[in-house]
Amino acid sequence: MKIAFATCVQLGLSCIEEIYNINGKLDLLITLKDEKAKSKSGRIYLDEIAEKHYVPLLKIHNINDLEVIEALKKHEIDWLFIIGWSQIAKKEVLETPTKGCIGMHPTLLPVGRGRAAIPWAIIKGLNQTGVTMFKLDEGVDTGDIIGQGVIELEKNSTATELYKKVNDMHVKLISKYWNDIVNNSITLTSQNEAYATEWPERKPEDGEIFSKMTMDEADKLVRAVTYPYPGAFYNDGDKIIRIWSAKTNKNEGEIKLIDGYLIPINFNIEKLS
């Protein structure tokens, strides 16, 4: 079985490292060109691991580029992993590997299809989320499920903590299902559309804190978009307060909210020109 792996983020690199830790091997690595997506959360480069394990490395602009199709055919790839990749693979890419393509998504699909799964889980106040390994199809996070792992969220979970748990769960799922994938013995389960939800994309500007927010809303936002994300921020006239951690107080504090105050703990001041 010949397997390729496409990624440009830490979640994917952790999976690649685990594949070699369990004595697996890859036949082709695919990543973005060095100059692309430099500010993407968790952005990594695959040069070192490709050189270490003598794996061909293809750097691309888009997963649907003709050179990707040609490389998959040249290396006679059976399965292609596409992990932590924001571009949607089209039909030709999905059908070029003889067995198909495999993705992972940091929710318990079909809940939370779409983008920004880690921030949304915290903003929505979930007490449980997870990671789903699934066979990619032409939809967004709609393919048949290979396996899932559940992650418990504490009341004050941060994006930093959840990102690490999601990373660890990616590794666990790779380890658990690798032999089934290599031996072509995976079991696929259709997603139940009755439970499907979709979470929208989030942008850095969505991290703004407003005085019309409650203490609970502001607290969740700070925890949801802290590292490795761009951080929450408050526009204080001539400056921006970039907040990485904070606490709330009903009676006093720096940032006035509907029902109390937000008190930045770890923060930066950005002067406005």
C-alpha atoms as a PDB file:
ATOM      1  CA  MET A   1       0.000   0.000   0.000  1.00  0.00           C
ATOM      2  CA  LYS A   2       1.481   3.348  -1.050  1.00  0.00           C
ATOM      3  CA  ILE A   3       0.464   6.348   1.023  1.00  0.00           C
ATOM      4  CA  ALA A   4       0.947  10.104   0.592  1.00  0.00           C
ATOM      5  CA  PHE A   5       0.395  12.864   3.137  1.00  0.00           C
ATOM      6  CA  ALA A   6      -0.533  16.517   2.532  1.00  0.00           C
ATOM      7  CA  THR A   7      -0.243  19.038   5.363  1.00  0.00           C
ATOM      8  CA  CYS A   8       1.142  22.440   6.287  1.00  0.00           C
ATOM      9  CA  VAL A   9       0.295  22.556  10.020  1.00  0.00           C
ATOM     10  CA  GLN A  10       1.508  20.982  13.257  1.00  0.00           C
ATOM     11  CA  LEU A  11      -1.456  18.590  13.510  1.00  0.00           C
ATOM     12  CA  GLY A  12      -0.362  16.971  10.264  1.00  0.00           C
ATOM     13  CA  LEU A  13       3.322  16.899  11.159  1.00  0.00           C
ATOM     14  CA  SER A  14       2.476  15.178  14.454  1.00  0.00           C
ATOM     15  CA  CYS A  15       0.609  12.501  12.472  1.00  0.00           C
ATOM     16  CA  ILE A  16       3.565  12.007  10.120  1.00  0.00           C
ATOM     17  CA  GLU A  17       5.937  11.645  13.071  1.00  0.00           C
ATOM     18  CA  GLU A  18       3.611   9.069  14.638  1.00  0.00           C
ATOM     19  CA  ILE A  19       3.476   7.058  11.407  1.00  0.00           C
ATOM     20  CA  TYR A  20       7.250   6.655  11.578  1.00  0.00           C
ATOM     21  CA  ASN A  21       7.138   6.036  15.344  1.00  0.00           C
ATOM     22  CA  ILE A  22       4.966   2.974  14.712  1.00  0.00           C
ATOM     23  CA  ASN A  23       7.250   1.803  11.894  1.00  0.00           C
ATOM     24  CA  GLY A  24       4.988   2.955   9.087  1.00  0.00           C
ATOM     25  CA  LYS A  25       6.232   4.692   5.983  1.00  0.00           C
ATOM     26  CA  LEU A  26       5.086   7.291   3.491  1.00  0.00           C
ATOM     27  CA  ASP A  27       5.783   7.445  -0.221  1.00  0.00           C
ATOM     28  CA  LEU A  28       5.132  11.148  -0.887  1.00  0.00           C
ATOM     29  CA  LEU A  29       4.790  14.328   1.168  1.00  0.00           C
ATOM     30  CA  ILE A  30       2.876  17.366  -0.080  1.00  0.00           C
ATOM     31  CA  THR A  31       2.890  20.850   1.436  1.00  0.00           C
ATOM     32  CA  LEU A  32       2.409  24.503   0.528  1.00  0.00           C
ATOM     33  CA  LYS A  33       5.192  26.506  -1.054  1.00  0.00           C
ATOM     34  CA  ASP A  34       7.322  28.212   1.595  1.00  0.00           C
ATOM     35  CA  GLU A  35       6.004  31.702   0.891  1.00  0.00           C
ATOM     36  CA  LYS A  36       2.331  30.753   1.251  1.00  0.00           C
ATOM     37  CA  ALA A  37       0.198  30.971   4.435  1.00  0.00           C
ATOM     38  CA  LYS A  38       3.100  32.119   6.625  1.00  0.00           C
ATOM     39  CA  SER A  39       0.674  33.473   9.235  1.00  0.00           C
ATOM     40  CA  LYS A  40      -1.569  30.391   9.311  1.00  0.00           C
ATOM     41  CA  SER A  41      -2.081  29.062  12.850  1.00  0.00           C
ATOM     42  CA  GLY A  42       0.255  26.123  13.459  1.00  0.00           C
ATOM     43  CA  ARG A  43       2.109  26.582  10.139  1.00  0.00           C
ATOM     44  CA  ILE A  44       5.050  24.175   9.713  1.00  0.00           C
ATOM     45  CA  TYR A  45       7.466  23.019   7.008  1.00  0.00           C
ATOM     46  CA  LEU A  46       8.207  19.436   5.986  1.00  0.00           C
ATOM     47  CA  ASP A  47      11.746  19.742   4.581  1.00  0.00           C
ATOM     48  CA  GLU A  48      13.447  18.246   7.633  1.00  0.00           C
ATOM     49  CA  ILE A  49      11.208  15.200   8.048  1.00  0.00           C
ATOM     50  CA  ALA A  50      11.213  14.537   4.293  1.00  0.00           C
ATOM     51  CA  GLU A  51      15.014  14.556   4.259  1.00  0.00           C
ATOM     52  CA  LYS A  52      15.232  12.438   7.399  1.00  0.00           C
ATOM     53  CA  HIS A  53      13.074   9.650   5.959  1.00  0.00           C
ATOM     54  CA  TYR A  54      14.091  10.043   2.297  1.00  0.00           C
ATOM     55  CA  VAL A  55      10.553  10.862   1.178  1.00  0.00           C
ATOM     56  CA  PRO A  56       9.871  12.927  -1.970  1.00  0.00           C
ATOM     57  CA  LEU A  57       8.480  16.368  -1.028  1.00  0.00           C
ATOM     58  CA  LEU A  58       6.203  18.323  -3.365  1.00  0.00           C
ATOM     59  CA  LYS A  59       5.547  22.006  -2.628  1.00  0.00           C
ATOM     60  CA  ILE A  60       2.407  23.402  -4.244  1.00  0.00           C
ATOM     61  CA  HIS A  61       0.116  26.406  -4.528  1.00  0.00           C
ATOM     62  CA  ASN A  62      -3.123  24.410  -4.427  1.00  0.00           C
ATOM     63  CA  ILE A  63      -4.098  20.815  -3.658  1.00  0.00           C
ATOM     64  CA  ASN A  64      -5.991  20.695  -6.964  1.00  0.00           C
ATOM     65  CA  ASP A  65      -2.979  21.655  -9.108  1.00  0.00           C
ATOM     66  CA  LEU A  66      -2.181  19.384 -12.038  1.00  0.00           C
ATOM     67  CA  GLU A  67       1.241  18.614 -10.563  1.00  0.00           C
ATOM     68  CA  VAL A  68      -0.494  17.015  -7.560  1.00  0.00           C
ATOM     69  CA  ILE A  69      -2.479  14.690  -9.830  1.00  0.00           C
ATOM     70  CA  GLU A  70       0.672  13.825 -11.764  1.00  0.00           C
ATOM     71  CA  ALA A  71       2.670  13.129  -8.593  1.00  0.00           C
ATOM     72  CA  LEU A  72      -0.041  10.868  -7.162  1.00  0.00           C
ATOM     73  CA  LYS A  73      -0.059   8.892 -10.395  1.00  0.00           C
ATOM     74  CA  LYS A  74       3.731   8.793 -10.676  1.00  0.00           C
ATOM     75  CA  HIS A  75       4.112   7.399  -7.153  1.00  0.00           C
ATOM     76  CA  GLU A  76       1.112   5.062  -7.594  1.00  0.00           C
ATOM     77  CA  ILE A  77      -0.521   6.344  -4.423  1.00  0.00           C
ATOM     78  CA  ASP A  78      -3.333   4.280  -2.881  1.00  0.00           C
ATOM     79  CA  TRP A  79      -4.308   6.571  -0.002  1.00  0.00           C
ATOM     80  CA  LEU A  80      -3.748  10.325   0.366  1.00  0.00           C
ATOM     81  CA  PHE A  81      -4.054  11.920   3.810  1.00  0.00           C
ATOM     82  CA  ILE A  82      -5.089  15.590   3.695  1.00  0.00           C
ATOM     83  CA  ILE A  83      -4.800  16.974   7.242  1.00  0.00           C
ATOM     84  CA  GLY A  84      -5.067  20.609   8.381  1.00  0.00           C
ATOM     85  CA  TRP A  85      -5.495  21.848   4.836  1.00  0.00           C
ATOM     86  CA  SER A  86      -7.910  24.731   4.190  1.00  0.00           C
ATOM     87  CA  GLN A  87      -8.270  24.187   0.429  1.00  0.00           C
ATOM     88  CA  ILE A  88     -11.076  21.801  -0.573  1.00  0.00           C
ATOM     89  CA  ALA A  89      -9.900  18.871  -2.685  1.00  0.00           C
ATOM     90  CA  LYS A  90     -11.934  18.459  -5.851  1.00  0.00           C
ATOM     91  CA  LYS A  91     -13.192  15.264  -7.449  1.00  0.00           C
ATOM     92  CA  GLU A  92     -10.115  14.569  -9.589  1.00  0.00           C
ATOM     93  CA  VAL A  93      -7.782  14.703  -6.593  1.00  0.00           C
ATOM     94  CA  LEU A  94     -10.132  12.589  -4.472  1.00  0.00           C
ATOM     95  CA  GLU A  95     -10.341   9.919  -7.152  1.00  0.00           C
ATOM     96  CA  THR A  96      -6.686   9.768  -8.205  1.00  0.00           C
ATOM     97  CA  PRO A  97      -5.429   7.630  -5.262  1.00  0.00           C
ATOM     98  CA  THR A  98      -6.705   4.115  -5.897  1.00  0.00           C
ATOM     99  CA  LYS A  99      -8.390   3.855  -2.475  1.00  0.00           C
ATOM    100  CA  GLY A 100      -9.245   7.514  -1.916  1.00  0.00           C
ATOM    101  CA  CYS A 101      -8.362  10.326   0.491  1.00  0.00           C
ATOM    102  CA  ILE A 102      -8.501  10.522   4.281  1.00  0.00           C
ATOM    103  CA  GLY A 103      -9.025  13.629   6.390  1.00  0.00           C
ATOM    104  CA  MET A 104      -9.395  14.495  10.058  1.00  0.00           C
ATOM    105  CA  HIS A 105     -11.634  17.135  11.563  1.00  0.00           C
ATOM    106  CA  PRO A 106     -11.497  18.409  15.174  1.00  0.00           C
ATOM    107  CA  THR A 107     -15.144  17.807  16.046  1.00  0.00           C
ATOM    108  CA  LEU A 108     -17.366  14.776  16.502  1.00  0.00           C
ATOM    109  CA  LEU A 109     -18.834  14.821  13.018  1.00  0.00           C
ATOM    110  CA  PRO A 110     -21.461  15.424  11.774  1.00  0.00           C
ATOM    111  CA  VAL A 111     -21.503  18.157  14.452  1.00  0.00           C
ATOM    112  CA  GLY A 112     -19.350  21.180  13.667  1.00  0.00           C
ATOM    113  CA  ARG A 113     -18.571  20.815   9.998  1.00  0.00           C
ATOM    114  CA  GLY A 114     -16.652  23.749   8.573  1.00  0.00           C
ATOM    115  CA  ARG A 115     -14.000  26.048  10.016  1.00  0.00           C
ATOM    116  CA  ALA A 116     -12.495  27.198  13.325  1.00  0.00           C
ATOM    117  CA  ALA A 117     -13.582  24.088  15.223  1.00  0.00           C
ATOM    118  CA  ILE A 118     -11.367  24.714  18.269  1.00  0.00           C
ATOM    119  CA  PRO A 119     -12.462  28.334  18.913  1.00  0.00           C
ATOM    120  CA  TRP A 120     -16.121  27.495  18.284  1.00  0.00           C
ATOM    121  CA  ALA A 121     -16.104  24.600  20.758  1.00  0.00           C
ATOM    122  CA  ILE A 122     -15.036  27.036  23.507  1.00  0.00           C
ATOM    123  CA  ILE A 123     -17.283  29.901  22.421  1.00  0.00           C
ATOM    124  CA  LYS A 124     -20.267  27.547  22.370  1.00  0.00           C
ATOM    125  CA  GLY A 125     -19.414  26.330  25.867  1.00  0.00           C
ATOM    126  CA  LEU A 126     -19.306  22.647  24.898  1.00  0.00           C
ATOM    127  CA  ASN A 127     -18.305  20.162  27.562  1.00  0.00           C
ATOM    128  CA  GLN A 128     -17.249  17.607  24.972  1.00  0.00           C
ATOM    129  CA  THR A 129     -15.750  17.633  21.478  1.00  0.00           C
ATOM    130  CA  GLY A 130     -13.352  15.338  19.633  1.00  0.00           C
ATOM    131  CA  VAL A 131     -11.604  14.405  16.413  1.00  0.00           C
ATOM    132  CA  THR A 132     -13.048  12.459  13.495  1.00  0.00           C
ATOM    133  CA  MET A 133     -11.043  10.491  10.912  1.00  0.00           C
ATOM    134  CA  PHE A 134     -13.064  10.115   7.739  1.00  0.00           C
ATOM    135  CA  LYS A 135     -12.886   9.356   4.034  1.00  0.00           C
ATOM    136  CA  LEU A 136     -13.051  12.577   2.081  1.00  0.00           C
ATOM    137  CA  ASP A 137     -15.798  13.173  -0.463  1.00  0.00           C
ATOM    138  CA  GLU A 138     -16.773  16.245  -2.482  1.00  0.00           C
ATOM    139  CA  GLY A 139     -18.636  17.820   0.436  1.00  0.00           C
ATOM    140  CA  VAL A 140     -17.136  19.706   3.375  1.00  0.00           C
ATOM    141  CA  ASP A 141     -16.543  17.251   6.239  1.00  0.00           C
ATOM    142  CA  THR A 142     -19.360  15.014   4.965  1.00  0.00           C
ATOM    143  CA  GLY A 143     -17.509  11.760   4.189  1.00  0.00           C
ATOM    144  CA  ASP A 144     -17.954   8.352   5.803  1.00  0.00           C
ATOM    145  CA  ILE A 145     -16.392   8.001   9.253  1.00  0.00           C
ATOM    146  CA  ILE A 146     -13.415   5.723   9.906  1.00  0.00           C
ATOM    147  CA  GLY A 147     -13.121   6.462  13.621  1.00  0.00           C
ATOM    148  CA  GLN A 148     -13.544   9.102  16.321  1.00  0.00           C
ATOM    149  CA  GLY A 149     -11.967  10.098  19.612  1.00  0.00           C
ATOM    150  CA  VAL A 150     -13.743  12.068  22.344  1.00  0.00           C
ATOM    151  CA  ILE A 151     -12.145  15.062  24.121  1.00  0.00           C
ATOM    152  CA  GLU A 152     -13.548  16.410  27.380  1.00  0.00           C
ATOM    153  CA  LEU A 153     -13.510  20.203  27.869  1.00  0.00           C
ATOM    154  CA  GLU A 154     -13.005  21.710  31.282  1.00  0.00           C
ATOM    155  CA  LYS A 155     -15.025  24.777  32.255  1.00  0.00           C
ATOM    156  CA  ASN A 156     -12.092  27.135  31.703  1.00  0.00           C
ATOM    157  CA  SER A 157     -10.442  25.374  28.748  1.00  0.00           C
ATOM    158  CA  THR A 158      -8.345  27.567  26.459  1.00  0.00           C
ATOM    159  CA  ALA A 159      -7.586  27.213  22.764  1.00  0.00           C
ATOM    160  CA  THR A 160      -3.978  26.459  23.685  1.00  0.00           C
ATOM    161  CA  GLU A 161      -5.032  23.520  25.843  1.00  0.00           C
ATOM    162  CA  LEU A 162      -7.637  22.245  23.403  1.00  0.00           C
ATOM    163  CA  TYR A 163      -5.244  22.504  20.446  1.00  0.00           C
ATOM    164  CA  LYS A 164      -2.804  20.220  22.292  1.00  0.00           C
ATOM    165  CA  LYS A 165      -5.574  17.733  23.094  1.00  0.00           C
ATOM    166  CA  VAL A 166      -6.706  17.800  19.456  1.00  0.00           C
ATOM    167  CA  ASN A 167      -3.110  17.251  18.341  1.00  0.00           C
ATOM    168  CA  ASP A 168      -2.761  14.288  20.716  1.00  0.00           C
ATOM    169  CA  MET A 169      -6.043  12.803  19.471  1.00  0.00           C
ATOM    170  CA  HIS A 170      -4.882  13.052  15.849  1.00  0.00           C
ATOM    171  CA  VAL A 171      -1.842  11.017  16.846  1.00  0.00           C
ATOM    172  CA  LYS A 172      -3.966   8.436  18.711  1.00  0.00           C
ATOM    173  CA  LEU A 173      -6.292   7.969  15.735  1.00  0.00           C
ATOM    174  CA  ILE A 174      -3.375   7.565  13.318  1.00  0.00           C
ATOM    175  CA  SER A 175      -1.864   4.924  15.582  1.00  0.00           C
ATOM    176  CA  LYS A 176      -5.195   3.144  16.091  1.00  0.00           C
ATOM    177  CA  TYR A 177      -6.236   2.908  12.438  1.00  0.00           C
ATOM    178  CA  TRP A 178      -2.907   2.800  10.569  1.00  0.00           C
ATOM    179  CA  ASN A 179      -2.780  -0.978  10.230  1.00  0.00           C
ATOM    180  CA  ASP A 180      -6.403  -1.117   9.074  1.00  0.00           C
ATOM    181  CA  ILE A 181      -5.631   1.511   6.436  1.00  0.00           C
ATOM    182  CA  VAL A 182      -2.479  -0.245   5.244  1.00  0.00           C
ATOM    183  CA  ASN A 183      -4.241  -3.646   5.188  1.00  0.00           C
ATOM    184  CA  ASN A 184      -7.340  -2.210   3.477  1.00  0.00           C
ATOM    185  CA  SER A 185      -9.596  -3.368   6.316  1.00  0.00           C
ATOM    186  CA  ILE A 186     -11.204  -0.114   7.513  1.00  0.00           C
ATOM    187  CA  THR A 187     -14.916   0.011   8.267  1.00  0.00           C
ATOM    188  CA  LEU A 188     -16.785   3.073   6.993  1.00  0.00           C
ATOM    189  CA  THR A 189     -19.859   4.492   8.733  1.00  0.00           C
ATOM    190  CA  SER A 190     -22.135   7.063   7.103  1.00  0.00           C
ATOM    191  CA  GLN A 191     -22.682  10.343   8.941  1.00  0.00           C
ATOM    192  CA  ASN A 192     -26.165  10.901  10.349  1.00  0.00           C
ATOM    193  CA  GLU A 193     -27.416  14.014   8.558  1.00  0.00           C
ATOM    194  CA  ALA A 194     -30.106  14.535  11.191  1.00  0.00           C
ATOM    195  CA  TYR A 195     -27.394  15.715  13.600  1.00  0.00           C
ATOM    196  CA  ALA A 196     -25.339  17.737  11.121  1.00  0.00           C
ATOM    197  CA  THR A 197     -24.341  21.313  11.978  1.00  0.00           C
ATOM    198  CA  GLU A 198     -21.969  23.714  10.255  1.00  0.00           C
ATOM    199  CA  TRP A 199     -19.718  26.248  11.969  1.00  0.00           C
ATOM    200  CA  PRO A 200     -18.667  29.335   9.983  1.00  0.00           C
ATOM    201  CA  GLU A 201     -15.166  30.589   9.308  1.00  0.00           C
ATOM    202  CA  ARG A 202     -13.655  32.988  11.837  1.00  0.00           C
ATOM    203  CA  LYS A 203     -11.319  35.876  11.036  1.00  0.00           C
ATOM    204  CA  PRO A 204      -8.892  37.794  13.315  1.00  0.00           C
ATOM    205  CA  GLU A 205     -11.345  40.712  13.503  1.00  0.00           C
ATOM    206  CA  ASP A 206     -13.940  38.371  15.035  1.00  0.00           C
ATOM    207  CA  GLY A 207     -11.868  38.439  18.225  1.00  0.00           C
ATOM    208  CA  GLU A 208     -12.985  41.950  19.157  1.00  0.00           C
ATOM    209  CA  ILE A 209     -14.432  42.461  22.631  1.00  0.00           C
ATOM    210  CA  PHE A 210     -17.318  44.922  22.916  1.00  0.00           C
ATOM    211  CA  SER A 211     -18.817  46.597  25.985  1.00  0.00           C
ATOM    212  CA  LYS A 212     -22.216  45.102  25.065  1.00  0.00           C
ATOM    213  CA  MET A 213     -20.846  41.628  25.851  1.00  0.00           C
ATOM    214  CA  THR A 214     -21.474  39.801  29.110  1.00  0.00           C
ATOM    215  CA  MET A 215     -18.611  38.639  31.308  1.00  0.00           C
ATOM    216  CA  ASP A 216     -19.271  35.062  30.181  1.00  0.00           C
ATOM    217  CA  GLU A 217     -19.142  35.999  26.485  1.00  0.00           C
ATOM    218  CA  ALA A 218     -15.926  38.001  26.867  1.00  0.00           C
ATOM    219  CA  ASP A 219     -14.273  35.292  28.936  1.00  0.00           C
ATOM    220  CA  LYS A 220     -15.120  32.596  26.379  1.00  0.00           C
ATOM    221  CA  LEU A 221     -13.860  34.743  23.511  1.00  0.00           C
ATOM    222  CA  VAL A 222     -10.511  35.382  25.207  1.00  0.00           C
ATOM    223  CA  ARG A 223     -10.056  31.662  25.905  1.00  0.00           C
ATOM    224  CA  ALA A 224     -11.225  30.680  22.405  1.00  0.00           C
ATOM    225  CA  VAL A 225      -8.815  32.775  20.366  1.00  0.00           C
ATOM    226  CA  THR A 226      -5.678  32.791  22.498  1.00  0.00           C
ATOM    227  CA  TYR A 227      -2.517  31.065  21.229  1.00  0.00           C
ATOM    228  CA  PRO A 228      -2.083  29.653  18.612  1.00  0.00           C
ATOM    229  CA  TYR A 229      -4.823  31.981  17.309  1.00  0.00           C
ATOM    230  CA  PRO A 230      -4.555  35.779  16.836  1.00  0.00           C
ATOM    231  CA  GLY A 231      -5.933  36.717  20.252  1.00  0.00           C
ATOM    232  CA  ALA A 232      -8.929  38.703  21.513  1.00  0.00           C
ATOM    233  CA  PHE A 233      -8.670  42.486  21.488  1.00  0.00           C
ATOM    234  CA  TYR A 234     -10.350  45.609  22.816  1.00  0.00           C
ATOM    235  CA  ASN A 235     -10.319  48.940  20.986  1.00  0.00           C
ATOM    236  CA  ASP A 236      -9.518  51.544  23.652  1.00  0.00           C
ATOM    237  CA  GLY A 237      -9.564  54.692  21.526  1.00  0.00           C
ATOM    238  CA  ASP A 238      -5.922  55.396  20.689  1.00  0.00           C
ATOM    239  CA  LYS A 239      -4.751  51.837  21.338  1.00  0.00           C
ATOM    240  CA  ILE A 240      -5.639  48.178  20.956  1.00  0.00           C
ATOM    241  CA  ILE A 241      -5.365  45.892  23.966  1.00  0.00           C
ATOM    242  CA  ARG A 242      -4.472  42.405  22.669  1.00  0.00           C
ATOM    243  CA  ILE A 243      -5.575  39.961  25.370  1.00  0.00           C
ATOM    244  CA  TRP A 244      -4.171  36.439  25.758  1.00  0.00           C
ATOM    245  CA  SER A 245      -5.661  35.700  29.166  1.00  0.00           C
ATOM    246  CA  ALA A 246      -8.043  37.537  31.467  1.00  0.00           C
ATOM    247  CA  LYS A 247     -10.385  37.253  34.431  1.00  0.00           C
ATOM    248  CA  THR A 248     -13.749  38.814  35.159  1.00  0.00           C
ATOM    249  CA  ASN A 249     -15.030  40.804  38.117  1.00  0.00           C
ATOM    250  CA  LYS A 250     -18.570  41.990  38.766  1.00  0.00           C
ATOM    251  CA  ASN A 251     -17.601  45.220  40.530  1.00  0.00           C
ATOM    252  CA  GLU A 252     -14.372  46.586  39.066  1.00  0.00           C
ATOM    253  CA  GLY A 253     -11.831  46.195  36.287  1.00  0.00           C
ATOM    254  CA  GLU A 254     -10.303  47.717  33.158  1.00  0.00           C
ATOM    255  CA  ILE A 255     -12.890  46.880  30.482  1.00  0.00           C
ATOM    256  CA  LYS A 256     -16.555  47.604  31.227  1.00  0.00           C
ATOM    257  CA  LEU A 257     -19.061  44.963  30.138  1.00  0.00           C
ATOM    258  CA  ILE A 258     -22.848  44.654  30.513  1.00  0.00           C
ATOM    259  CA  ASP A 259     -22.740  42.809  33.825  1.00  0.00           C
ATOM    260  CA  GLY A 260     -19.244  43.531  35.108  1.00  0.00           C
ATOM    261  CA  TYR A 261     -15.654  43.948  33.989  1.00  0.00           C
ATOM    262  CA  LEU A 262     -12.925  42.130  32.073  1.00  0.00           C
ATOM    263  CA  ILE A 263      -9.450  42.320  33.599  1.00  0.00           C
ATOM    264  CA  PRO A 264      -6.601  41.502  31.171  1.00  0.00           C
ATOM    265  CA  ILE A 265      -3.830  39.389  32.709  1.00  0.00           C
ATOM    266  CA  ASN A 266      -1.517  38.579  29.809  1.00  0.00           C
ATOM    267  CA  PHE A 267      -1.829  41.281  27.158  1.00  0.00           C
ATOM    268  CA  ASN A 268      -0.049  43.585  24.691  1.00  0.00           C
ATOM    269  CA  ILE A 269      -0.692  47.232  23.921  1.00  0.00           C
ATOM    270  CA  GLU A 270      -0.782  48.165  20.229  1.00  0.00           C
ATOM    271  CA  LYS A 271      -0.711  51.890  19.540  1.00  0.00           C
ATOM    272  CA  LEU A 272      -3.013  53.178  16.804  1.00  0.00           C
ATOM    273  CA  SER A 273      -1.492  55.684  14.419  1.00  0.00           C
END
